[in-house]
Amino acid sequence: MTQAILIITNFPDNESAATLARELIDMRLAACVNILSACTSIYRWQDKTESAKELPVFIKTQQKHYNRVEQIINAIHPYELPEIITVPVTDGLPAYLQWIIDETS
């Protein structure tokens, strides 16, 4: 079976997160994109401890689309080094996993 994945990123504002979500859905590179409520991220950047309000973004897609999704995130994202991580979906409701495959094929 085709591998479903969850791609996680963060955006500093709703407008850029929604732009990404609409583009990925319109291009059938994602079945669903969740834009979550703002959170506070504390991280180390260029030898300093930083803090930022960010919106977590969850992208449900297939492994075969990862490279293209990464390119689009990098093109839209305002950060020099955006968080882009992938979590393999090893199990789930079969009908939902099939829906991800159907919507991104």
PDB file of N, CA and C in Angstrom:
ATOM      1  N   MET A   1       0.835  -1.197   0.000  1.00  0.00           N
ATOM      2  CA  MET A   1       0.000   0.000   0.000  1.00  0.00           C
ATOM      3  C   MET A   1       0.873   1.251   0.000  1.00  0.00           C
ATOM      4  N   THR A   2       0.393   2.298  -0.601  1.00  0.00           N
ATOM      5  CA  THR A   2       1.096   3.574  -0.641  1.00  0.00           C
ATOM      6  C   THR A   2       1.217   4.126   0.772  1.00  0.00           C
ATOM      7  N   GLN A   3       2.356   4.765   1.061  1.00  0.00           N
ATOM      8  CA  GLN A   3       2.629   5.275   2.405  1.00  0.00           C
ATOM      9  C   GLN A   3       2.021   6.656   2.632  1.00  0.00           C
ATOM     10  N   ALA A   4       1.108   6.740   3.574  1.00  0.00           N
ATOM     11  CA  ALA A   4       0.578   8.034   4.007  1.00  0.00           C
ATOM     12  C   ALA A   4       1.567   8.634   4.996  1.00  0.00           C
ATOM     13  N   ILE A   5       1.722   9.961   4.937  1.00  0.00           N
ATOM     14  CA  ILE A   5       2.610  10.665   5.853  1.00  0.00           C
ATOM     15  C   ILE A   5       1.914  11.911   6.396  1.00  0.00           C
ATOM     16  N   LEU A   6       2.447  12.381   7.507  1.00  0.00           N
ATOM     17  CA  LEU A   6       2.030  13.640   8.102  1.00  0.00           C
ATOM     18  C   LEU A   6       3.239  14.562   8.065  1.00  0.00           C
ATOM     19  N   ILE A   7       3.109  15.689   7.392  1.00  0.00           N
ATOM     20  CA  ILE A   7       4.183  16.691   7.344  1.00  0.00           C
ATOM     21  C   ILE A   7       3.788  17.797   8.315  1.00  0.00           C
ATOM     22  N   ILE A   8       4.723  18.168   9.171  1.00  0.00           N
ATOM     23  CA  ILE A   8       4.473  19.202  10.174  1.00  0.00           C
ATOM     24  C   ILE A   8       5.377  20.398   9.883  1.00  0.00           C
ATOM     25  N   THR A   9       4.791  21.571   9.924  1.00  0.00           N
ATOM     26  CA  THR A   9       5.538  22.812   9.792  1.00  0.00           C
ATOM     27  C   THR A   9       4.853  23.855  10.670  1.00  0.00           C
ATOM     28  N   ASN A  10       5.434  25.030  10.767  1.00  0.00           N
ATOM     29  CA  ASN A  10       4.862  26.160  11.510  1.00  0.00           C
ATOM     30  C   ASN A  10       4.952  27.403  10.644  1.00  0.00           C
ATOM     31  N   PHE A  11       3.966  28.266  10.762  1.00  0.00           N
ATOM     32  CA  PHE A  11       3.982  29.546  10.059  1.00  0.00           C
ATOM     33  C   PHE A  11       3.762  30.676  11.059  1.00  0.00           C
ATOM     34  N   PRO A  12       4.287  31.858  10.768  1.00  0.00           N
ATOM     35  CA  PRO A  12       4.141  32.969  11.706  1.00  0.00           C
ATOM     36  C   PRO A  12       2.780  33.673  11.634  1.00  0.00           C
ATOM     37  N   ASP A  13       1.986  33.383  10.582  1.00  0.00           N
ATOM     38  CA  ASP A  13       0.714  34.077  10.428  1.00  0.00           C
ATOM     39  C   ASP A  13      -0.274  33.208   9.668  1.00  0.00           C
ATOM     40  N   ASN A  14      -1.543  33.481   9.860  1.00  0.00           N
ATOM     41  CA  ASN A  14      -2.606  32.695   9.242  1.00  0.00           C
ATOM     42  C   ASN A  14      -2.623  32.850   7.727  1.00  0.00           C
ATOM     43  N   GLU A  15      -2.333  34.038   7.226  1.00  0.00           N
ATOM     44  CA  GLU A  15      -2.393  34.275   5.779  1.00  0.00           C
ATOM     45  C   GLU A  15      -1.436  33.359   5.014  1.00  0.00           C
ATOM     46  N   SER A  16      -0.180  33.277   5.452  1.00  0.00           N
ATOM     47  CA  SER A  16       0.775  32.423   4.737  1.00  0.00           C
ATOM     48  C   SER A  16       0.452  30.945   4.930  1.00  0.00           C
ATOM     49  N   ALA A  17      -0.043  30.562   6.108  1.00  0.00           N
ATOM     50  CA  ALA A  17      -0.431  29.172   6.344  1.00  0.00           C
ATOM     51  C   ALA A  17      -1.620  28.795   5.447  1.00  0.00           C
ATOM     52  N   ALA A  18      -2.597  29.679   5.327  1.00  0.00           N
ATOM     53  CA  ALA A  18      -3.764  29.407   4.488  1.00  0.00           C
ATOM     54  C   ALA A  18      -3.387  29.382   3.011  1.00  0.00           C
ATOM     55  N   THR A  19      -2.460  30.232   2.608  1.00  0.00           N
ATOM     56  CA  THR A  19      -1.976  30.215   1.219  1.00  0.00           C
ATOM     57  C   THR A  19      -1.364  28.860   0.896  1.00  0.00           C
ATOM     58  N   LEU A  20      -0.536  28.359   1.800  1.00  0.00           N
ATOM     59  CA  LEU A  20       0.060  27.041   1.613  1.00  0.00           C
ATOM     60  C   LEU A  20      -1.033  25.979   1.539  1.00  0.00           C
ATOM     61  N   ALA A  21      -1.964  25.990   2.474  1.00  0.00           N
ATOM     62  CA  ALA A  21      -3.014  24.973   2.524  1.00  0.00           C
ATOM     63  C   ALA A  21      -3.813  24.945   1.227  1.00  0.00           C
ATOM     64  N   ARG A  22      -4.246  26.103   0.769  1.00  0.00           N
ATOM     65  CA  ARG A  22      -5.042  26.153  -0.463  1.00  0.00           C
ATOM     66  C   ARG A  22      -4.245  25.641  -1.666  1.00  0.00           C
ATOM     67  N   GLU A  23      -2.983  26.022  -1.756  1.00  0.00           N
ATOM     68  CA  GLU A  23      -2.159  25.579  -2.883  1.00  0.00           C
ATOM     69  C   GLU A  23      -1.985  24.062  -2.873  1.00  0.00           C
ATOM     70  N   LEU A  24      -1.683  23.495  -1.714  1.00  0.00           N
ATOM     71  CA  LEU A  24      -1.485  22.044  -1.634  1.00  0.00           C
ATOM     72  C   LEU A  24      -2.766  21.279  -1.954  1.00  0.00           C
ATOM     73  N   ILE A  25      -3.902  21.769  -1.469  1.00  0.00           N
ATOM     74  CA  ILE A  25      -5.180  21.111  -1.748  1.00  0.00           C
ATOM     75  C   ILE A  25      -5.532  21.246  -3.228  1.00  0.00           C
ATOM     76  N   ASP A  26      -5.395  22.449  -3.778  1.00  0.00           N
ATOM     77  CA  ASP A  26      -5.723  22.668  -5.192  1.00  0.00           C
ATOM     78  C   ASP A  26      -4.856  21.824  -6.120  1.00  0.00           C
ATOM     79  N   MET A  27      -3.599  21.602  -5.744  1.00  0.00           N
ATOM     80  CA  MET A  27      -2.686  20.812  -6.565  1.00  0.00           C
ATOM     81  C   MET A  27      -2.801  19.307  -6.283  1.00  0.00           C
ATOM     82  N   ARG A  28      -3.698  18.935  -5.362  1.00  0.00           N
ATOM     83  CA  ARG A  28      -3.898  17.538  -4.955  1.00  0.00           C
ATOM     84  C   ARG A  28      -2.630  16.924  -4.367  1.00  0.00           C
ATOM     85  N   LEU A  29      -1.824  17.779  -3.721  1.00  0.00           N
ATOM     86  CA  LEU A  29      -0.621  17.316  -3.036  1.00  0.00           C
ATOM     87  C   LEU A  29      -0.907  17.020  -1.568  1.00  0.00           C
ATOM     88  N   ALA A  30      -2.086  17.371  -1.110  1.00  0.00           N
ATOM     89  CA  ALA A  30      -2.513  17.080   0.263  1.00  0.00           C
ATOM     90  C   ALA A  30      -4.008  16.800   0.245  1.00  0.00           C
ATOM     91  N   ALA A  31      -4.419  15.862   1.086  1.00  0.00           N
ATOM     92  CA  ALA A  31      -5.843  15.575   1.229  1.00  0.00           C
ATOM     93  C   ALA A  31      -6.482  16.532   2.228  1.00  0.00           C
ATOM     94  N   CYS A  32      -5.692  16.949   3.227  1.00  0.00           N
ATOM     95  CA  CYS A  32      -6.185  17.821   4.289  1.00  0.00           C
ATOM     96  C   CYS A  32      -4.994  18.568   4.882  1.00  0.00           C
ATOM     97  N   VAL A  33      -5.220  19.821   5.203  1.00  0.00           N
ATOM     98  CA  VAL A  33      -4.211  20.624   5.899  1.00  0.00           C
ATOM     99  C   VAL A  33      -4.899  21.252   7.108  1.00  0.00           C
ATOM    100  N   ASN A  34      -4.380  20.971   8.289  1.00  0.00           N
ATOM    101  CA  ASN A  34      -4.898  21.572   9.518  1.00  0.00           C
ATOM    102  C   ASN A  34      -4.010  22.746   9.901  1.00  0.00           C
ATOM    103  N   ILE A  35      -4.629  23.893  10.128  1.00  0.00           N
ATOM    104  CA  ILE A  35      -3.930  25.060  10.659  1.00  0.00           C
ATOM    105  C   ILE A  35      -4.415  25.203  12.094  1.00  0.00           C
ATOM    106  N   LEU A  36      -3.528  24.950  13.029  1.00  0.00           N
ATOM    107  CA  LEU A  36      -3.908  24.934  14.432  1.00  0.00           C
ATOM    108  C   LEU A  36      -3.813  26.334  15.044  1.00  0.00           C
ATOM    109  N   SER A  37      -4.265  26.436  16.271  1.00  0.00           N
ATOM    110  CA  SER A  37      -4.199  27.697  17.012  1.00  0.00           C
ATOM    111  C   SER A  37      -2.751  28.063  17.303  1.00  0.00           C
ATOM    112  N   ALA A  38      -2.537  29.332  17.513  1.00  0.00           N
ATOM    113  CA  ALA A  38      -1.195  29.831  17.780  1.00  0.00           C
ATOM    114  C   ALA A  38      -0.604  29.195  19.037  1.00  0.00           C
ATOM    115  N   CYS A  39       0.692  28.989  18.973  1.00  0.00           N
ATOM    116  CA  CYS A  39       1.436  28.480  20.124  1.00  0.00           C
ATOM    117  C   CYS A  39       2.707  29.323  20.254  1.00  0.00           C
ATOM    118  N   THR A  40       3.377  29.160  21.359  1.00  0.00           N
ATOM    119  CA  THR A  40       4.659  29.824  21.554  1.00  0.00           C
ATOM    120  C   THR A  40       5.768  28.807  21.331  1.00  0.00           C
ATOM    121  N   SER A  41       6.659  29.114  20.416  1.00  0.00           N
ATOM    122  CA  SER A  41       7.825  28.267  20.166  1.00  0.00           C
ATOM    123  C   SER A  41       9.048  28.941  20.768  1.00  0.00           C
ATOM    124  N   ILE A  42       9.801  28.180  21.529  1.00  0.00           N
ATOM    125  CA  ILE A  42      11.059  28.668  22.101  1.00  0.00           C
ATOM    126  C   ILE A  42      12.147  27.799  21.514  1.00  0.00           C
ATOM    127  N   TYR A  43      13.132  28.429  20.927  1.00  0.00           N
ATOM    128  CA  TYR A  43      14.155  27.696  20.185  1.00  0.00           C
ATOM    129  C   TYR A  43      15.469  28.458  20.174  1.00  0.00           C
ATOM    130  N   ARG A  44      16.497  27.767  19.782  1.00  0.00           N
ATOM    131  CA  ARG A  44      17.826  28.371  19.675  1.00  0.00           C
ATOM    132  C   ARG A  44      18.082  28.685  18.214  1.00  0.00           C
ATOM    133  N   TRP A  45      18.492  29.929  17.929  1.00  0.00           N
ATOM    134  CA  TRP A  45      18.765  30.349  16.567  1.00  0.00           C
ATOM    135  C   TRP A  45      19.919  31.350  16.586  1.00  0.00           C
ATOM    136  N   GLN A  46      20.957  31.030  15.855  1.00  0.00           N
ATOM    137  CA  GLN A  46      22.144  31.885  15.742  1.00  0.00           C
ATOM    138  C   GLN A  46      22.681  32.270  17.128  1.00  0.00           C
ATOM    139  N   ASP A  47      22.884  31.256  17.954  1.00  0.00           N
ATOM    140  CA  ASP A  47      23.459  31.378  19.293  1.00  0.00           C
ATOM    141  C   ASP A  47      22.637  32.199  20.283  1.00  0.00           C
ATOM    142  N   LYS A  48      21.332  32.337  20.013  1.00  0.00           N
ATOM    143  CA  LYS A  48      20.451  33.045  20.934  1.00  0.00           C
ATOM    144  C   LYS A  48      19.203  32.217  21.180  1.00  0.00           C
ATOM    145  N   THR A  49      18.654  32.334  22.368  1.00  0.00           N
ATOM    146  CA  THR A  49      17.356  31.740  22.657  1.00  0.00           C
ATOM    147  C   THR A  49      16.291  32.709  22.166  1.00  0.00           C
ATOM    148  N   GLU A  50      15.425  32.219  21.305  1.00  0.00           N
ATOM    149  CA  GLU A  50      14.379  33.038  20.694  1.00  0.00           C
ATOM    150  C   GLU A  50      13.010  32.519  21.104  1.00  0.00           C
ATOM    151  N   SER A  51      11.999  33.348  20.904  1.00  0.00           N
ATOM    152  CA  SER A  51      10.622  32.981  21.169  1.00  0.00           C
ATOM    153  C   SER A  51       9.760  33.600  20.075  1.00  0.00           C
ATOM    154  N   ALA A  52       8.788  32.818  19.583  1.00  0.00           N
ATOM    155  CA  ALA A  52       7.910  33.325  18.526  1.00  0.00           C
ATOM    156  C   ALA A  52       6.531  32.705  18.649  1.00  0.00           C
ATOM    157  N   LYS A  53       5.518  33.478  18.291  1.00  0.00           N
ATOM    158  CA  LYS A  53       4.164  32.941  18.155  1.00  0.00           C
ATOM    159  C   LYS A  53       4.079  32.322  16.760  1.00  0.00           C
ATOM    160  N   GLU A  54       3.628  31.068  16.716  1.00  0.00           N
ATOM    161  CA  GLU A  54       3.545  30.362  15.447  1.00  0.00           C
ATOM    162  C   GLU A  54       2.254  29.560  15.374  1.00  0.00           C
ATOM    163  N   LEU A  55       1.852  29.237  14.144  1.00  0.00           N
ATOM    164  CA  LEU A  55       0.693  28.392  13.896  1.00  0.00           C
ATOM    165  C   LEU A  55       1.185  27.037  13.397  1.00  0.00           C
ATOM    166  N   PRO A  56       0.985  25.969  14.158  1.00  0.00           N
ATOM    167  CA  PRO A  56       1.351  24.648  13.664  1.00  0.00           C
ATOM    168  C   PRO A  56       0.455  24.262  12.485  1.00  0.00           C
ATOM    169  N   VAL A  57       1.071  23.625  11.489  1.00  0.00           N
ATOM    170  CA  VAL A  57       0.359  23.200  10.288  1.00  0.00           C
ATOM    171  C   VAL A  57       0.634  21.715  10.078  1.00  0.00           C
ATOM    172  N   PHE A  58      -0.443  20.922   9.960  1.00  0.00           N
ATOM    173  CA  PHE A  58      -0.348  19.482   9.726  1.00  0.00           C
ATOM    174  C   PHE A  58      -0.853  19.190   8.322  1.00  0.00           C
ATOM    175  N   ILE A  59      -0.031  18.520   7.536  1.00  0.00           N
ATOM    176  CA  ILE A  59      -0.341  18.226   6.136  1.00  0.00           C
ATOM    177  C   ILE A  59      -0.446  16.709   5.976  1.00  0.00           C
ATOM    178  N   LYS A  60      -1.607  16.219   5.519  1.00  0.00           N
ATOM    179  CA  LYS A  60      -1.785  14.780   5.280  1.00  0.00           C
ATOM    180  C   LYS A  60      -1.636  14.509   3.796  1.00  0.00           C
ATOM    181  N   THR A  61      -0.672  13.651   3.445  1.00  0.00           N
ATOM    182  CA  THR A  61      -0.374  13.380   2.045  1.00  0.00           C
ATOM    183  C   THR A  61       0.263  12.001   1.907  1.00  0.00           C
ATOM    184  N   GLN A  62       0.848  11.755   0.750  1.00  0.00           N
ATOM    185  CA  GLN A  62       1.565  10.520   0.473  1.00  0.00           C
ATOM    186  C   GLN A  62       3.064  10.790   0.434  1.00  0.00           C
ATOM    187  N   GLN A  63       3.843   9.798   0.774  1.00  0.00           N
ATOM    188  CA  GLN A  63       5.308   9.919   0.738  1.00  0.00           C
ATOM    189  C   GLN A  63       5.795  10.391  -0.627  1.00  0.00           C
ATOM    190  N   LYS A  64       5.181   9.917  -1.694  1.00  0.00           N
ATOM    191  CA  LYS A  64       5.640  10.280  -3.045  1.00  0.00           C
ATOM    192  C   LYS A  64       5.527  11.783  -3.327  1.00  0.00           C
ATOM    193  N   HIS A  65       4.731  12.509  -2.537  1.00  0.00           N
ATOM    194  CA  HIS A  65       4.574  13.957  -2.745  1.00  0.00           C
ATOM    195  C   HIS A  65       5.500  14.789  -1.854  1.00  0.00           C
ATOM    196  N   TYR A  66       6.273  14.147  -0.992  1.00  0.00           N
ATOM    197  CA  TYR A  66       7.058  14.901  -0.015  1.00  0.00           C
ATOM    198  C   TYR A  66       7.950  15.962  -0.665  1.00  0.00           C
ATOM    199  N   ASN A  67       8.739  15.588  -1.656  1.00  0.00           N
ATOM    200  CA  ASN A  67       9.694  16.545  -2.239  1.00  0.00           C
ATOM    201  C   ASN A  67       9.005  17.781  -2.797  1.00  0.00           C
ATOM    202  N   ARG A  68       7.876  17.599  -3.470  1.00  0.00           N
ATOM    203  CA  ARG A  68       7.154  18.744  -4.038  1.00  0.00           C
ATOM    204  C   ARG A  68       6.559  19.610  -2.920  1.00  0.00           C
ATOM    205  N   VAL A  69       6.008  18.974  -1.898  1.00  0.00           N
ATOM    206  CA  VAL A  69       5.453  19.740  -0.766  1.00  0.00           C
ATOM    207  C   VAL A  69       6.560  20.542  -0.095  1.00  0.00           C
ATOM    208  N   GLU A  70       7.714  19.923   0.099  1.00  0.00           N
ATOM    209  CA  GLU A  70       8.853  20.645   0.694  1.00  0.00           C
ATOM    210  C   GLU A  70       9.227  21.864  -0.145  1.00  0.00           C
ATOM    211  N   GLN A  71       9.275  21.715  -1.455  1.00  0.00           N
ATOM    212  CA  GLN A  71       9.601  22.846  -2.336  1.00  0.00           C
ATOM    213  C   GLN A  71       8.594  23.980  -2.187  1.00  0.00           C
ATOM    214  N   ILE A  72       7.322  23.632  -2.117  1.00  0.00           N
ATOM    215  CA  ILE A  72       6.284  24.657  -2.003  1.00  0.00           C
ATOM    216  C   ILE A  72       6.357  25.355  -0.645  1.00  0.00           C
ATOM    217  N   ILE A  73       6.565  24.592   0.415  1.00  0.00           N
ATOM    218  CA  ILE A  73       6.721  25.216   1.739  1.00  0.00           C
ATOM    219  C   ILE A  73       7.892  26.193   1.703  1.00  0.00           C
ATOM    220  N   ASN A  74       9.025  25.767   1.184  1.00  0.00           N
ATOM    221  CA  ASN A  74      10.198  26.647   1.115  1.00  0.00           C
ATOM    222  C   ASN A  74       9.938  27.892   0.271  1.00  0.00           C
ATOM    223  N   ALA A  75       9.159  27.774  -0.787  1.00  0.00           N
ATOM    224  CA  ALA A  75       8.870  28.918  -1.657  1.00  0.00           C
ATOM    225  C   ALA A  75       7.951  29.932  -0.975  1.00  0.00           C
ATOM    226  N   ILE A  76       7.017  29.446  -0.156  1.00  0.00           N
ATOM    227  CA  ILE A  76       6.027  30.318   0.484  1.00  0.00           C
ATOM    228  C   ILE A  76       6.505  30.830   1.837  1.00  0.00           C
ATOM    229  N   HIS A  77       7.284  30.033   2.531  1.00  0.00           N
ATOM    230  CA  HIS A  77       7.623  30.314   3.931  1.00  0.00           C
ATOM    231  C   HIS A  77       8.526  31.535   4.068  1.00  0.00           C
ATOM    232  N   PRO A  78       8.227  32.417   5.035  1.00  0.00           N
ATOM    233  CA  PRO A  78       9.063  33.600   5.229  1.00  0.00           C
ATOM    234  C   PRO A  78      10.355  33.338   6.009  1.00  0.00           C
ATOM    235  N   TYR A  79      10.472  32.177   6.663  1.00  0.00           N
ATOM    236  CA  TYR A  79      11.659  31.901   7.469  1.00  0.00           C
ATOM    237  C   TYR A  79      12.823  31.444   6.592  1.00  0.00           C
ATOM    238  N   GLU A  80      14.012  31.768   7.035  1.00  0.00           N
ATOM    239  CA  GLU A  80      15.231  31.291   6.379  1.00  0.00           C
ATOM    240  C   GLU A  80      15.347  29.772   6.487  1.00  0.00           C
ATOM    241  N   LEU A  81      14.969  29.230   7.645  1.00  0.00           N
ATOM    242  CA  LEU A  81      15.034  27.788   7.882  1.00  0.00           C
ATOM    243  C   LEU A  81      13.717  27.320   8.521  1.00  0.00           C
ATOM    244  N   PRO A  82      12.712  27.015   7.682  1.00  0.00           N
ATOM    245  CA  PRO A  82      11.445  26.581   8.260  1.00  0.00           C
ATOM    246  C   PRO A  82      11.520  25.152   8.793  1.00  0.00           C
ATOM    247  N   GLU A  83      10.740  24.890   9.818  1.00  0.00           N
ATOM    248  CA  GLU A  83      10.589  23.513  10.295  1.00  0.00           C
ATOM    249  C   GLU A  83       9.789  22.746   9.247  1.00  0.00           C
ATOM    250  N   ILE A  84      10.336  21.637   8.781  1.00  0.00           N
ATOM    251  CA  ILE A  84       9.609  20.716   7.912  1.00  0.00           C
ATOM    252  C   ILE A  84      10.023  19.321   8.355  1.00  0.00           C
ATOM    253  N   ILE A  85       9.104  18.615   9.004  1.00  0.00           N
ATOM    254  CA  ILE A  85       9.408  17.250   9.422  1.00  0.00           C
ATOM    255  C   ILE A  85       8.278  16.343   8.960  1.00  0.00           C
ATOM    256  N   THR A  86       8.629  15.089   8.756  1.00  0.00           N
ATOM    257  CA  THR A  86       7.662  14.107   8.291  1.00  0.00           C
ATOM    258  C   THR A  86       7.537  12.984   9.306  1.00  0.00           C
ATOM    259  N   VAL A  87       6.305  12.599   9.548  1.00  0.00           N
ATOM    260  CA  VAL A  87       6.014  11.482  10.435  1.00  0.00           C
ATOM    261  C   VAL A  87       5.311  10.423   9.578  1.00  0.00           C
ATOM    262  N   PRO A  88       5.861   9.212   9.509  1.00  0.00           N
ATOM    263  CA  PRO A  88       5.167   8.177   8.750  1.00  0.00           C
ATOM    264  C   PRO A  88       3.893   7.758   9.479  1.00  0.00           C
ATOM    265  N   VAL A  89       2.854   7.527   8.724  1.00  0.00           N
ATOM    266  CA  VAL A  89       1.603   7.032   9.293  1.00  0.00           C
ATOM    267  C   VAL A  89       1.660   5.509   9.199  1.00  0.00           C
ATOM    268  N   THR A  90       1.861   4.867  10.326  1.00  0.00           N
ATOM    269  CA  THR A  90       2.032   3.418  10.338  1.00  0.00           C
ATOM    270  C   THR A  90       0.729   2.669  10.529  1.00  0.00           C
ATOM    271  N   ASP A  91      -0.303   3.356  10.997  1.00  0.00           N
ATOM    272  CA  ASP A  91      -1.585   2.715  11.208  1.00  0.00           C
ATOM    273  C   ASP A  91      -2.647   3.802  11.293  1.00  0.00           C
ATOM    274  N   GLY A  92      -3.880   3.410  11.089  1.00  0.00           N
ATOM    275  CA  GLY A  92      -4.982   4.349  11.167  1.00  0.00           C
ATOM    276  C   GLY A  92      -6.246   3.713  10.623  1.00  0.00           C
ATOM    277  N   LEU A  93      -7.327   4.436  10.669  1.00  0.00           N
ATOM    278  CA  LEU A  93      -8.582   3.961  10.133  1.00  0.00           C
ATOM    279  C   LEU A  93      -8.397   3.708   8.636  1.00  0.00           C
ATOM    280  N   PRO A  94      -8.553   2.481   8.173  1.00  0.00           N
ATOM    281  CA  PRO A  94      -8.279   2.168   6.768  1.00  0.00           C
ATOM    282  C   PRO A  94      -9.020   3.065   5.775  1.00  0.00           C
ATOM    283  N   ALA A  95     -10.271   3.363   6.041  1.00  0.00           N
ATOM    284  CA  ALA A  95     -11.035   4.210   5.123  1.00  0.00           C
ATOM    285  C   ALA A  95     -10.452   5.624   5.056  1.00  0.00           C
ATOM    286  N   TYR A  96      -9.982   6.142   6.181  1.00  0.00           N
ATOM    287  CA  TYR A  96      -9.373   7.478   6.189  1.00  0.00           C
ATOM    288  C   TYR A  96      -8.049   7.467   5.430  1.00  0.00           C
ATOM    289  N   LEU A  97      -7.234   6.453   5.661  1.00  0.00           N
ATOM    290  CA  LEU A  97      -5.959   6.357   4.945  1.00  0.00           C
ATOM    291  C   LEU A  97      -6.199   6.213   3.444  1.00  0.00           C
ATOM    292  N   GLN A  98      -7.217   5.480   3.064  1.00  0.00           N
ATOM    293  CA  GLN A  98      -7.553   5.343   1.636  1.00  0.00           C
ATOM    294  C   GLN A  98      -8.008   6.678   1.071  1.00  0.00           C
ATOM    295  N   TRP A  99      -8.741   7.454   1.875  1.00  0.00           N
ATOM    296  CA  TRP A  99      -9.192   8.790   1.439  1.00  0.00           C
ATOM    297  C   TRP A  99      -7.987   9.682   1.141  1.00  0.00           C
ATOM    298  N   ILE A 100      -6.947   9.630   1.987  1.00  0.00           N
ATOM    299  CA  ILE A 100      -5.725  10.415   1.734  1.00  0.00           C
ATOM    300  C   ILE A 100      -5.143  10.010   0.377  1.00  0.00           C
ATOM    301  N   ILE A 101      -5.049   8.707   0.136  1.00  0.00           N
ATOM    302  CA  ILE A 101      -4.497   8.225  -1.136  1.00  0.00           C
ATOM    303  C   ILE A 101      -5.367   8.671  -2.295  1.00  0.00           C
ATOM    304  N   ASP A 102      -6.670   8.504  -2.174  1.00  0.00           N
ATOM    305  CA  ASP A 102      -7.589   8.878  -3.265  1.00  0.00           C
ATOM    306  C   ASP A 102      -7.515  10.361  -3.590  1.00  0.00           C
ATOM    307  N   GLU A 103      -7.445  11.203  -2.562  1.00  0.00           N
ATOM    308  CA  GLU A 103      -7.448  12.660  -2.784  1.00  0.00           C
ATOM    309  C   GLU A 103      -6.103  13.192  -3.292  1.00  0.00           C
ATOM    310  N   THR A 104      -5.064  12.398  -3.178  1.00  0.00           N
ATOM    311  CA  THR A 104      -3.735  12.876  -3.600  1.00  0.00           C
ATOM    312  C   THR A 104      -3.180  12.030  -4.745  1.00  0.00           C
ATOM    313  N   SER A 105      -4.056  11.345  -5.451  1.00  0.00           N
ATOM    314  CA  SER A 105      -3.624  10.531  -6.602  1.00  0.00           C
ATOM    315  C   SER A 105      -4.012  11.192  -7.907  1.00  0.00           C
TER     316      SER A 105
END
